[in-house]
Protein backbone atom coordinates (compact mmCIF):
# COMPACT_ATOMS: atom_id res chain seq x y z
CA MET A 1 50.14 -17.24 11.34
CA LYS A 2 53.94 -17.04 11.42
CA ARG A 3 53.71 -13.27 10.92
CA ILE A 4 51.22 -12.97 13.76
CA HIS A 5 53.61 -14.75 16.08
CA LEU A 6 56.47 -12.49 14.97
CA VAL A 7 54.35 -9.48 15.93
CA TRP A 8 53.67 -11.08 19.29
CA ALA A 9 57.34 -11.95 19.88
CA CYS A 10 58.55 -8.48 18.96
CA THR A 11 55.91 -6.83 21.13
CA MET A 12 56.93 -8.98 24.07
CA VAL A 13 60.64 -8.18 23.63
CA VAL A 14 59.90 -4.45 23.58
CA ILE A 15 57.91 -4.91 26.78
CA ALA A 16 60.76 -6.86 28.36
CA VAL A 17 63.32 -4.17 27.65
CA MET A 18 60.99 -1.49 28.99
CA LEU A 19 60.43 -3.49 32.16
CA SER A 20 64.00 -4.52 32.78
CA SER A 21 65.91 -1.28 32.21
CA CYS A 22 66.23 1.85 30.22
CA GLY A 23 69.35 3.42 29.60
CA THR A 24 75.32 2.79 29.11
CA LYS A 25 76.75 5.70 30.44
CA LYS A 26 77.57 7.11 27.04
CA HIS A 27 76.22 10.60 27.10
CA LEU A 28 74.33 11.94 24.13
CA ILE A 29 76.03 15.29 24.36
CA GLY A 30 79.49 16.59 25.09
CA GLU A 31 80.43 19.55 27.22
CA PRO A 32 78.19 22.43 26.07
CA LEU A 33 79.85 25.70 25.21
CA PRO A 34 78.53 29.00 26.55
CA ALA A 35 77.23 31.59 24.08
CA ALA A 36 76.88 35.29 24.62
CA GLY A 37 73.29 36.45 24.99
CA PHE A 38 71.81 32.98 25.36
CA GLN A 39 69.17 32.79 28.10
CA PRO A 40 68.77 29.19 29.32
CA GLN A 41 65.54 29.63 31.26
CA ALA A 42 63.93 31.63 28.48
CA PHE A 43 64.69 28.82 26.05
CA LEU A 44 63.20 26.22 28.39
CA GLN A 45 60.08 28.32 28.82
CA GLN A 46 59.75 28.59 25.03
CA LEU A 47 60.09 24.81 24.70
CA ASP A 48 57.52 24.25 27.43
CA ALA A 49 55.06 26.82 26.07
CA GLN A 50 54.74 25.22 22.64
CA ALA A 51 53.78 21.78 23.97
CA PRO A 52 50.62 20.42 22.29
CA LYS A 53 47.48 21.72 23.99
CA ALA A 54 45.12 18.99 22.78
CA GLN A 55 43.62 16.84 25.52
CA CYS A 56 43.50 13.78 23.26
CA VAL A 57 45.68 12.65 20.37
CA THR A 58 44.74 9.76 18.10
CA ALA A 59 46.58 8.38 15.09
CA LYS A 60 47.07 5.44 12.83
CA LEU A 61 50.35 3.78 13.67
CA LYS A 62 52.95 2.05 11.54
CA PHE A 63 55.08 0.05 13.94
CA SER A 64 58.40 -1.36 12.77
CA ALA A 65 60.95 -3.23 14.81
CA LYS A 66 64.28 -4.96 14.44
CA VAL A 67 65.18 -7.62 16.97
CA GLY A 68 68.34 -9.49 16.07
CA SER A 69 67.87 -10.75 12.50
CA GLN A 70 64.09 -10.29 12.62
CA ASN A 71 62.51 -7.27 10.94
CA ILE A 72 58.79 -6.65 11.04
CA SER A 73 56.41 -3.86 10.16
CA VAL A 74 52.76 -3.85 11.19
CA GLY A 75 49.91 -1.42 11.50
CA GLY A 76 48.01 -0.35 14.53
CA SER A 77 46.79 2.66 16.39
CA LEU A 78 47.88 5.09 19.08
CA ARG A 79 45.44 6.77 21.44
CA MET A 80 46.45 9.14 24.20
CA LYS A 81 44.64 11.33 26.67
CA ARG A 82 46.68 13.97 28.42
CA ASP A 83 47.58 13.04 32.02
CA ASP A 84 45.47 9.88 31.79
CA VAL A 85 46.41 7.13 29.35
CA ILE A 86 48.66 6.02 26.47
CA ARG A 87 47.46 3.04 24.43
CA ILE A 88 49.22 1.24 21.59
CA GLN A 89 47.42 -1.48 19.65
CA LEU A 90 49.38 -3.62 17.20
CA VAL A 91 47.48 -5.36 14.42
CA ALA A 92 48.73 -8.25 12.30
CA LEU A 93 47.45 -8.86 8.75
CA GLY A 94 45.39 -5.69 9.10
CA ILE A 95 42.69 -7.44 11.11
CA VAL A 96 44.11 -9.33 14.10
CA GLU A 97 45.12 -7.41 17.22
CA ALA A 98 48.23 -9.22 18.44
CA GLY A 99 49.28 -6.99 21.31
CA ARG A 100 48.17 -4.06 23.40
CA LEU A 101 50.24 -1.80 25.64
CA GLU A 102 48.33 0.51 27.93
CA PHE A 103 49.92 2.96 30.35
CA THR A 104 47.69 4.78 32.80
CA ARG A 105 48.57 7.03 35.70
CA ASP A 106 48.21 4.14 38.13
CA TYR A 107 49.22 0.94 36.34
CA VAL A 108 50.70 -0.62 33.24
CA LEU A 109 48.81 -3.22 31.19
CA PHE A 110 50.44 -5.49 28.63
CA MET A 111 48.16 -7.84 26.71
CA ASP A 112 49.24 -10.83 24.65
CA ARG A 113 46.19 -11.36 22.45
CA ILE A 114 47.63 -14.44 20.77
CA ASN A 115 48.11 -16.46 23.95
CA LYS A 116 45.35 -14.69 25.92
CA GLN A 117 47.64 -13.56 28.71
CA TYR A 118 48.20 -10.22 30.35
CA VAL A 119 50.24 -8.33 32.92
CA LYS A 120 48.57 -5.58 34.93
CA VAL A 121 50.59 -4.05 37.74
CA PRO A 122 51.13 -0.66 39.41
CA TYR A 123 54.35 1.12 38.54
CA GLU A 124 55.84 0.45 41.96
CA GLN A 125 55.78 -3.29 41.28
CA VAL A 126 58.06 -2.89 38.29
CA ASP A 127 61.42 -2.63 40.04
CA PHE A 128 63.29 -0.47 37.55
CA LEU A 129 60.44 2.00 37.17
CA ALA A 130 59.87 2.26 40.91
CA GLN A 131 63.53 2.58 41.87
CA ASN A 132 64.21 5.35 39.38
CA GLY A 133 61.06 7.44 39.60
CA ILE A 134 59.89 6.54 36.10
CA ASN A 135 56.15 6.93 35.86
CA PHE A 136 53.34 7.67 33.46
CA TYR A 137 54.34 11.31 33.10
CA MET A 138 57.81 10.44 31.82
CA LEU A 139 56.35 8.09 29.22
CA GLN A 140 53.83 10.73 28.20
CA ALA A 141 56.60 13.28 27.72
CA LEU A 142 58.44 10.94 25.36
CA PHE A 143 55.43 10.61 23.07
CA TRP A 144 54.51 14.30 23.26
CA ASN A 145 58.05 15.63 22.67
CA GLU A 146 58.39 17.22 26.10
CA LEU A 147 60.89 17.39 28.92
CA PHE A 148 60.36 15.22 31.98
CA GLN A 149 61.86 14.92 35.43
CA PRO A 150 61.81 11.54 37.22
CA GLY A 151 59.62 11.59 40.29
CA HIS A 152 57.79 14.76 39.24
CA ARG A 153 54.48 15.24 37.48
CA GLN A 154 55.71 18.50 35.95
CA PRO A 155 59.41 19.19 35.29
CA GLN A 156 61.00 21.85 37.46
CA LEU A 157 62.70 23.96 34.80
CA ALA A 158 65.15 25.50 37.26
CA ASP A 159 66.71 22.06 37.82
CA PHE A 160 67.86 21.66 34.21
CA THR A 161 71.27 22.66 32.87
CA VAL A 162 71.02 24.31 29.46
CA ALA A 163 73.64 25.56 27.01
CA PRO A 164 73.90 26.07 23.24
CA GLN A 165 75.84 23.57 21.16
CA GLY A 166 76.19 24.80 17.61
CA SER A 167 72.71 25.01 16.07
CA ASP A 168 71.30 22.92 18.92
CA VAL A 169 70.78 23.30 22.63
CA ALA A 170 72.03 20.71 25.10
CA ILE A 171 69.80 20.06 28.11
CA THR A 172 70.68 17.82 31.06
CA LEU A 173 69.45 16.90 34.52
CA PRO A 174 71.56 15.92 37.52
CA GLU A 175 71.98 12.15 37.63
CA VAL A 176 69.37 10.18 39.56
CA SER A 177 70.48 6.82 40.97
CA ARG A 178 73.42 6.87 38.51
CA ILE A 179 71.07 7.45 35.57
CA ALA A 180 71.92 10.28 33.19
CA TYR A 181 69.12 12.15 31.40
CA SER A 182 69.89 14.35 28.39
CA TRP A 183 68.12 16.08 25.54
CA LEU A 184 69.15 17.79 22.34
CA ALA A 185 66.81 20.50 21.09
CA ASP A 186 66.80 22.58 17.92
CA ALA A 187 67.83 26.12 18.81
CA ALA A 188 65.62 27.69 16.14
CA THR A 189 62.38 25.80 16.81
CA ALA A 190 62.81 24.82 20.48
CA ARG A 191 61.71 21.29 19.59
CA ILE A 192 63.38 18.30 21.17
CA LYS A 193 65.35 16.30 18.60
CA THR A 194 66.62 13.51 20.86
CA THR A 195 65.95 12.26 24.36
CA ARG A 196 68.43 9.89 25.96
CA VAL A 197 68.55 7.90 29.18
CA ASP A 198 71.89 6.25 30.03
CA HIS A 199 72.36 3.80 32.87
CA ARG A 200 74.88 1.02 33.55
CA ASP A 201 74.76 -1.54 30.75
CA ALA A 202 71.53 -0.36 29.17
CA ARG A 203 70.30 2.65 27.23
CA MET A 204 67.34 4.32 25.63
CA ARG A 205 67.54 6.81 22.79
CA TRP A 206 64.38 8.41 21.38
CA ASP A 207 64.80 10.44 18.17
CA TYR A 208 62.18 12.72 16.65
CA LYS A 209 62.46 12.91 12.86
CA THR A 210 59.31 14.62 11.58
CA PHE A 211 56.60 16.90 12.94
CA LYS A 212 53.17 17.71 11.56
CA LYS A 213 50.62 20.33 12.46
CA LEU A 214 48.09 19.48 15.14
CA GLU A 215 45.67 22.28 15.92
CA ASN A 216 47.85 25.33 16.61
CA THR A 217 51.12 23.54 17.24
CA SER A 218 53.20 20.63 15.94
CA PHE A 219 53.33 17.00 16.98
CA PRO A 220 56.02 14.36 16.36
CA THR A 221 54.92 11.85 13.72
CA ASP A 222 58.11 9.96 12.93
CA MET A 223 60.06 8.61 15.90
CA GLU A 224 62.93 6.14 16.18
CA VAL A 225 63.62 4.44 19.48
CA GLU A 226 66.54 2.28 20.55
CA LEU A 227 66.03 0.17 23.66
CA ALA A 228 69.00 -1.90 24.77
CA THR A 229 70.15 -4.03 27.66
CA ALA A 230 73.12 -6.37 27.93
CA LYS A 231 70.97 -9.18 26.47
CA LYS A 232 68.62 -7.50 24.02
CA THR A 233 68.60 -4.58 21.61
CA VAL A 234 65.37 -3.48 20.00
CA ASP A 235 65.14 -0.77 17.33
CA VAL A 236 61.61 0.54 17.03
CA GLY A 237 60.07 2.89 14.50
CA LEU A 238 56.82 4.74 15.22
CA GLN A 239 55.23 6.51 12.27
CA LEU A 240 51.94 8.31 12.85
CA SER A 241 49.37 9.35 10.29
CA SER A 242 45.80 10.66 10.32
CA LEU A 243 46.45 12.73 13.42
CA GLY A 244 43.33 13.74 15.28
CA THR A 245 42.01 14.88 18.62
CA ASP A 246 39.01 12.55 18.94
CA ASP A 247 37.94 11.97 22.54
CA ASP A 248 35.10 9.53 21.83
CA TRP A 249 36.79 6.32 22.99
CA GLU A 250 37.06 4.27 26.14
CA THR A 251 40.16 5.22 28.08
CA ARG A 252 40.45 1.92 29.94
CA THR A 253 40.71 -1.62 28.61
CA THR A 254 38.53 -4.23 30.27
CA VAL A 255 40.32 -7.58 30.31
CA SER A 256 38.15 -10.57 29.48
CA SER A 257 37.84 -13.38 32.01
CA LYS A 258 39.21 -15.66 29.28
CA TYR A 259 42.65 -14.10 29.75
CA LYS A 260 45.15 -15.40 32.26
CA GLN A 261 47.09 -12.94 34.38
CA VAL A 262 50.79 -13.68 34.63
CA SER A 263 53.54 -11.98 36.62
CA VAL A 264 56.17 -9.61 35.29
CA ASP A 265 58.83 -12.22 36.12
CA ASP A 266 56.94 -14.88 34.15
CA ILE A 267 56.76 -12.81 31.01
CA LEU A 268 60.38 -11.69 31.32
CA ARG A 269 61.56 -15.31 31.61
CA ARG A 270 59.59 -16.27 28.51
CA ILE A 271 60.88 -13.32 26.49
CA MET A 272 64.52 -13.73 27.42
CA SER A 273 64.37 -17.34 26.19
CA LEU A 274 63.33 -16.27 22.68
């Protein structure tokens, strides 16, 4: 039971950091150096063209997290449908679902299975997300190893600044509300290696370590994420296996009447007291 509650606590802290902020102003990349013959827009088009074409991606998930002195590793699953939903289910002891995170185009749903509570709100009611144009499409891009542009469904490639940096390519966007967005891509493969969001006293860094074949392209299967605010730092590992493209699953979670809906502020207060 103690392990189940650790899964719950870690899941809730991850949720809290995602809700409260995402990003210090320490840039991932330095000043990029120009290179003769390099064509920035051609590189971006190559990166964009090799995005996974599957409509659905499913996988077994090994979720690991470090929060302070606590380290946990649990199983679960990841199910995604392009332009529709991202769902993470965390399972304790191999049988008990402790937490569920579901992101749709219209709302976010966080379920605490242990205490039978949930948060379900549209993006505009989560202050940080609303104020900075962070929506479902940005979250989707992080999981699918793609570029994103806050406030846009599809990134406008002409708005990005691109330049080679050794064997990599540095990609940046103009700051939005004092938030800096940057990427580092492999020059040879045109795959994103790191995505970073830097803002005030918080940061997010999303590293892609391993890719595996999915249909006619590749998909990231080993990701490391650092989420940090002034109060909390969470290091998360996401390792995917048994990749598939199954579309025979319900894309929306129906919340039982036995669950109590709580506010974002309620769950943040509880988490920050851990």
